[in-house]
């Protein structure tokens, strides 16, 4: 369940481009922390901090197997972001429809 506090932490988590890139990476399946870190030109401790923020926002789940930490995407918290964006999608679809009508009317003159 996503609470108001969790939803706020989701927005904060996805505000960072590196964290969004990590989420994109995890869309293809779970990865070890080392594998995630190897994909970025920043330090491993920095990636660990990013993964911690994503975990606290419930956007990734962490499992441990021996010495390895595995991370997997948990997209459910992004549903709130999607609901928020719906109003903007409707707005832009209407604006694009208006633009299309304007252009087509100009072509018939």
N, C-alpha and C. Protein backbone atom coordinates (compact mmCIF):
# COMPACT_ATOMS: atom_id res chain seq x y z
N UNK A 1 0.83 -1.18 0.00
CA UNK A 1 0.00 0.00 0.00
C UNK A 1 0.88 1.24 0.00
N UNK A 2 0.53 2.22 -0.82
CA UNK A 2 1.29 3.45 -0.91
C UNK A 2 0.60 4.50 -0.06
N UNK A 3 1.31 5.04 0.92
CA UNK A 3 0.75 6.08 1.78
C UNK A 3 1.21 7.44 1.28
N UNK A 4 0.64 8.50 1.86
CA UNK A 4 1.02 9.86 1.46
C UNK A 4 2.51 10.09 1.62
N UNK A 5 3.08 9.62 2.72
CA UNK A 5 4.52 9.79 2.94
C UNK A 5 5.34 9.03 1.93
N UNK A 6 4.88 7.82 1.59
CA UNK A 6 5.57 7.03 0.58
C UNK A 6 5.48 7.72 -0.77
N UNK A 7 4.30 8.25 -1.09
CA UNK A 7 4.13 8.93 -2.38
C UNK A 7 5.06 10.13 -2.48
N UNK A 8 5.22 10.88 -1.42
CA UNK A 8 6.14 12.01 -1.42
C UNK A 8 7.57 11.51 -1.64
N UNK A 9 7.94 10.42 -1.00
CA UNK A 9 9.29 9.89 -1.18
C UNK A 9 9.49 9.36 -2.60
N UNK A 10 8.42 8.88 -3.25
CA UNK A 10 8.51 8.44 -4.64
C UNK A 10 8.87 9.62 -5.53
N UNK A 11 8.17 10.74 -5.37
CA UNK A 11 8.46 11.92 -6.18
C UNK A 11 9.89 12.41 -5.94
N UNK A 12 10.31 12.41 -4.71
CA UNK A 12 11.69 12.82 -4.41
C UNK A 12 12.69 11.86 -5.03
N UNK A 13 12.39 10.57 -4.99
CA UNK A 13 13.31 9.57 -5.53
C UNK A 13 13.45 9.71 -7.04
N UNK A 14 12.34 9.91 -7.74
CA UNK A 14 12.41 9.96 -9.21
C UNK A 14 12.83 11.34 -9.72
N UNK A 15 13.00 12.29 -8.82
CA UNK A 15 13.46 13.61 -9.24
C UNK A 15 14.92 13.57 -9.71
N UNK A 16 15.67 12.59 -9.27
CA UNK A 16 17.09 12.50 -9.61
C UNK A 16 17.29 11.67 -10.88
N UNK A 17 18.02 12.19 -11.86
CA UNK A 17 18.19 11.46 -13.12
C UNK A 17 18.95 10.13 -12.98
N UNK A 18 19.87 10.05 -12.05
CA UNK A 18 20.58 8.78 -11.85
C UNK A 18 19.63 7.72 -11.31
N UNK A 19 18.77 8.10 -10.39
CA UNK A 19 17.81 7.13 -9.84
C UNK A 19 16.81 6.69 -10.91
N UNK A 20 16.39 7.63 -11.78
CA UNK A 20 15.50 7.23 -12.88
C UNK A 20 16.22 6.25 -13.80
N UNK A 21 17.50 6.48 -14.05
CA UNK A 21 18.28 5.57 -14.90
C UNK A 21 18.41 4.20 -14.25
N UNK A 22 18.54 4.15 -12.94
CA UNK A 22 18.60 2.87 -12.23
C UNK A 22 17.27 2.14 -12.39
N UNK A 23 16.17 2.86 -12.25
CA UNK A 23 14.85 2.23 -12.44
C UNK A 23 14.72 1.69 -13.86
N UNK A 24 15.18 2.46 -14.84
CA UNK A 24 15.15 1.99 -16.23
C UNK A 24 15.95 0.70 -16.38
N UNK A 25 17.09 0.66 -15.75
CA UNK A 25 17.96 -0.52 -15.81
C UNK A 25 17.26 -1.74 -15.20
N UNK A 26 16.55 -1.53 -14.10
CA UNK A 26 15.89 -2.63 -13.40
C UNK A 26 14.60 -3.09 -14.08
N UNK A 27 14.13 -2.35 -15.06
CA UNK A 27 12.94 -2.80 -15.80
C UNK A 27 13.21 -4.13 -16.50
N UNK A 28 14.46 -4.37 -16.87
CA UNK A 28 14.82 -5.60 -17.57
C UNK A 28 14.99 -6.80 -16.63
N UNK A 29 14.90 -6.58 -15.34
CA UNK A 29 15.04 -7.68 -14.38
C UNK A 29 15.96 -7.31 -13.24
N UNK A 30 16.00 -8.16 -12.26
CA UNK A 30 16.80 -7.87 -11.07
C UNK A 30 18.29 -7.90 -11.40
N UNK A 31 19.03 -7.09 -10.65
CA UNK A 31 20.48 -7.00 -10.85
C UNK A 31 21.15 -6.88 -9.50
N UNK A 32 22.39 -7.29 -9.48
CA UNK A 32 23.16 -7.14 -8.25
C UNK A 32 23.57 -5.68 -8.10
N UNK A 33 23.86 -5.29 -6.88
CA UNK A 33 24.30 -3.92 -6.62
C UNK A 33 25.57 -3.61 -7.42
N UNK A 34 26.47 -4.56 -7.50
CA UNK A 34 27.71 -4.37 -8.26
C UNK A 34 27.45 -4.17 -9.73
N UNK A 35 26.50 -4.92 -10.28
CA UNK A 35 26.15 -4.77 -11.69
C UNK A 35 25.52 -3.40 -11.94
N UNK A 36 24.65 -2.97 -11.05
CA UNK A 36 24.05 -1.63 -11.19
C UNK A 36 25.16 -0.58 -11.16
N UNK A 37 26.04 -0.68 -10.19
CA UNK A 37 27.11 0.31 -10.05
C UNK A 37 28.02 0.34 -11.28
N UNK A 38 28.25 -0.81 -11.89
CA UNK A 38 29.14 -0.87 -13.06
C UNK A 38 28.57 -0.12 -14.26
N UNK A 39 27.29 0.16 -14.25
CA UNK A 39 26.65 0.84 -15.38
C UNK A 39 26.79 2.37 -15.31
N UNK A 40 27.35 2.88 -14.23
CA UNK A 40 27.40 4.33 -14.02
C UNK A 40 28.82 4.81 -13.76
N UNK A 41 29.07 6.04 -14.14
CA UNK A 41 30.40 6.64 -13.98
C UNK A 41 30.52 7.38 -12.65
N UNK A 42 29.84 6.88 -11.64
CA UNK A 42 29.96 7.47 -10.29
C UNK A 42 30.42 6.36 -9.36
N UNK A 43 30.79 6.72 -8.17
CA UNK A 43 31.34 5.74 -7.22
C UNK A 43 30.28 4.73 -6.76
N UNK A 44 30.75 3.58 -6.34
CA UNK A 44 29.84 2.56 -5.79
C UNK A 44 29.09 3.07 -4.56
N UNK A 45 29.76 3.81 -3.65
CA UNK A 45 29.00 4.34 -2.51
C UNK A 45 27.88 5.29 -2.95
N UNK A 46 28.10 6.05 -4.00
CA UNK A 46 27.05 6.95 -4.49
C UNK A 46 25.86 6.13 -5.01
N UNK A 47 26.15 5.07 -5.76
CA UNK A 47 25.07 4.20 -6.26
C UNK A 47 24.36 3.52 -5.11
N UNK A 48 25.10 3.13 -4.09
CA UNK A 48 24.47 2.53 -2.90
C UNK A 48 23.50 3.50 -2.25
N UNK A 49 23.89 4.76 -2.18
CA UNK A 49 22.98 5.77 -1.61
C UNK A 49 21.73 5.92 -2.48
N UNK A 50 21.90 5.93 -3.79
CA UNK A 50 20.74 6.01 -4.69
C UNK A 50 19.82 4.80 -4.51
N UNK A 51 20.41 3.62 -4.42
CA UNK A 51 19.61 2.42 -4.21
C UNK A 51 18.87 2.46 -2.87
N UNK A 52 19.51 3.00 -1.87
CA UNK A 52 18.87 3.13 -0.56
C UNK A 52 17.64 4.05 -0.64
N UNK A 53 17.78 5.17 -1.35
CA UNK A 53 16.65 6.10 -1.52
C UNK A 53 15.51 5.39 -2.27
N UNK A 54 15.84 4.67 -3.33
CA UNK A 54 14.82 3.95 -4.09
C UNK A 54 14.15 2.87 -3.24
N UNK A 55 14.93 2.22 -2.39
CA UNK A 55 14.37 1.19 -1.51
C UNK A 55 13.44 1.81 -0.47
N UNK A 56 13.83 2.91 0.10
CA UNK A 56 12.99 3.59 1.10
C UNK A 56 11.69 4.09 0.49
N UNK A 57 11.72 4.42 -0.79
CA UNK A 57 10.51 4.87 -1.49
C UNK A 57 9.69 3.69 -2.01
N UNK A 58 10.14 2.46 -1.70
CA UNK A 58 9.48 1.22 -2.11
C UNK A 58 9.47 1.03 -3.62
N UNK A 59 10.41 1.66 -4.32
CA UNK A 59 10.50 1.52 -5.77
C UNK A 59 11.36 0.32 -6.18
N UNK A 60 12.18 -0.15 -5.26
CA UNK A 60 12.97 -1.37 -5.51
C UNK A 60 12.87 -2.24 -4.27
N UNK A 61 13.00 -3.54 -4.51
CA UNK A 61 13.08 -4.46 -3.38
C UNK A 61 14.49 -5.01 -3.35
N UNK A 62 14.98 -5.20 -2.16
CA UNK A 62 16.34 -5.69 -1.95
C UNK A 62 16.29 -7.08 -1.33
N UNK A 63 17.06 -7.98 -1.91
CA UNK A 63 17.22 -9.30 -1.32
C UNK A 63 18.71 -9.58 -1.21
N UNK A 64 19.06 -10.39 -0.24
CA UNK A 64 20.47 -10.75 -0.04
C UNK A 64 20.65 -12.25 -0.24
N UNK A 65 21.68 -12.57 -0.98
CA UNK A 65 22.10 -13.96 -1.16
C UNK A 65 23.59 -13.97 -0.90
N UNK A 66 23.98 -14.57 0.19
CA UNK A 66 25.37 -14.56 0.64
C UNK A 66 25.86 -13.13 0.76
N UNK A 67 26.90 -12.78 0.03
CA UNK A 67 27.47 -11.44 0.09
C UNK A 67 26.84 -10.48 -0.93
N UNK A 68 25.94 -10.98 -1.76
CA UNK A 68 25.39 -10.17 -2.85
C UNK A 68 24.03 -9.59 -2.50
N UNK A 69 23.88 -8.31 -2.80
CA UNK A 69 22.58 -7.66 -2.66
C UNK A 69 21.97 -7.55 -4.06
N UNK A 70 20.75 -8.04 -4.18
CA UNK A 70 20.03 -8.00 -5.45
C UNK A 70 18.92 -6.97 -5.35
N UNK A 71 18.71 -6.25 -6.45
CA UNK A 71 17.66 -5.24 -6.49
C UNK A 71 16.72 -5.54 -7.65
N UNK A 72 15.43 -5.39 -7.39
CA UNK A 72 14.40 -5.59 -8.40
C UNK A 72 13.42 -4.42 -8.34
N UNK A 73 12.92 -4.05 -9.49
CA UNK A 73 11.94 -2.97 -9.60
C UNK A 73 10.62 -3.38 -8.97
N UNK A 74 10.03 -2.49 -8.20
CA UNK A 74 8.66 -2.66 -7.72
C UNK A 74 7.88 -1.43 -8.22
N UNK A 75 7.24 -1.55 -9.37
CA UNK A 75 6.65 -0.38 -10.03
C UNK A 75 5.35 0.14 -9.41
N UNK A 76 4.74 -0.59 -8.50
CA UNK A 76 3.44 -0.19 -7.95
C UNK A 76 3.41 1.25 -7.43
N UNK A 77 4.45 1.72 -6.72
CA UNK A 77 4.40 3.10 -6.23
C UNK A 77 4.34 4.15 -7.34
N UNK A 78 4.73 3.78 -8.56
CA UNK A 78 4.67 4.73 -9.67
C UNK A 78 3.25 4.94 -10.18
N UNK A 79 2.31 4.13 -9.73
CA UNK A 79 0.91 4.30 -10.15
C UNK A 79 0.38 5.68 -9.76
N UNK A 80 0.79 6.17 -8.61
CA UNK A 80 0.36 7.51 -8.18
C UNK A 80 0.88 8.60 -9.10
N UNK A 81 2.10 8.45 -9.55
CA UNK A 81 2.68 9.40 -10.50
C UNK A 81 1.90 9.34 -11.82
N UNK A 82 1.58 8.13 -12.24
CA UNK A 82 0.81 7.96 -13.48
C UNK A 82 -0.56 8.61 -13.37
N UNK A 83 -1.23 8.44 -12.23
CA UNK A 83 -2.54 9.08 -12.03
C UNK A 83 -2.41 10.59 -12.09
N UNK A 84 -1.38 11.13 -11.49
CA UNK A 84 -1.16 12.58 -11.50
C UNK A 84 -0.93 13.08 -12.92
N UNK A 85 -0.17 12.33 -13.70
CA UNK A 85 0.15 12.73 -15.07
C UNK A 85 -1.04 12.63 -16.02
N UNK A 86 -2.05 11.86 -15.66
CA UNK A 86 -3.21 11.67 -16.54
C UNK A 86 -3.86 13.00 -16.92
N UNK A 87 -4.00 13.88 -15.99
CA UNK A 87 -4.60 15.19 -16.28
C UNK A 87 -3.79 15.98 -17.30
N UNK A 88 -2.49 15.85 -17.25
CA UNK A 88 -1.63 16.53 -18.21
C UNK A 88 -1.71 15.88 -19.58
N UNK A 89 -1.84 14.56 -19.61
CA UNK A 89 -1.99 13.87 -20.90
C UNK A 89 -3.27 14.33 -21.59
N UNK A 90 -4.35 14.44 -20.83
CA UNK A 90 -5.63 14.90 -21.38
C UNK A 90 -5.48 16.33 -21.89
N UNK A 91 -4.84 17.17 -21.11
CA UNK A 91 -4.62 18.57 -21.50
C UNK A 91 -3.86 18.65 -22.82
N UNK A 92 -2.74 17.93 -22.92
CA UNK A 92 -1.93 18.02 -24.14
C UNK A 92 -2.61 17.36 -25.33
N UNK A 93 -3.37 16.32 -25.11
CA UNK A 93 -4.11 15.71 -26.22
C UNK A 93 -5.11 16.71 -26.79
N UNK A 94 -5.79 17.44 -25.91
CA UNK A 94 -6.75 18.45 -26.37
C UNK A 94 -6.04 19.57 -27.12
N UNK A 95 -4.89 20.02 -26.61
CA UNK A 95 -4.14 21.09 -27.30
C UNK A 95 -3.67 20.63 -28.68
N UNK A 96 -3.20 19.39 -28.77
CA UNK A 96 -2.75 18.87 -30.06
C UNK A 96 -3.91 18.72 -31.03
N UNK A 97 -5.07 18.34 -30.52
CA UNK A 97 -6.27 18.26 -31.37
C UNK A 97 -6.63 19.64 -31.91
N UNK A 98 -6.57 20.65 -31.02
CA UNK A 98 -6.84 22.03 -31.45
C UNK A 98 -5.85 22.49 -32.51
N UNK A 99 -4.58 22.17 -32.33
CA UNK A 99 -3.55 22.54 -33.30
C UNK A 99 -3.81 21.86 -34.64
N UNK A 100 -4.14 20.59 -34.60
CA UNK A 100 -4.44 19.86 -35.83
C UNK A 100 -5.60 20.50 -36.57
N UNK A 101 -6.65 20.81 -35.87
CA UNK A 101 -7.82 21.45 -36.48
C UNK A 101 -7.44 22.80 -37.07
N UNK A 102 -6.64 23.58 -36.37
CA UNK A 102 -6.21 24.89 -36.86
C UNK A 102 -5.41 24.75 -38.15
N UNK A 103 -4.48 23.80 -38.18
CA UNK A 103 -3.64 23.59 -39.36
C UNK A 103 -4.50 23.11 -40.54
N UNK A 104 -5.39 22.18 -40.28
CA UNK A 104 -6.25 21.66 -41.36
C UNK A 104 -7.18 22.74 -41.90
N UNK A 105 -7.70 23.59 -41.03
CA UNK A 105 -8.57 24.68 -41.50
C UNK A 105 -7.77 25.68 -42.33
N UNK A 106 -6.52 25.91 -41.98
CA UNK A 106 -5.67 26.81 -42.74
C UNK A 106 -5.35 26.27 -44.10
N UNK A 107 -5.25 24.96 -44.24
CA UNK A 107 -4.94 24.34 -45.53
C UNK A 107 -6.11 24.41 -46.49
N UNK A 108 -7.33 24.50 -45.97
CA UNK A 108 -8.50 24.52 -46.84
C UNK A 108 -8.84 25.94 -47.31
N UNK A 109 -8.18 26.94 -46.80
CA UNK A 109 -8.47 28.32 -47.20
C UNK A 109 -7.75 28.69 -48.45
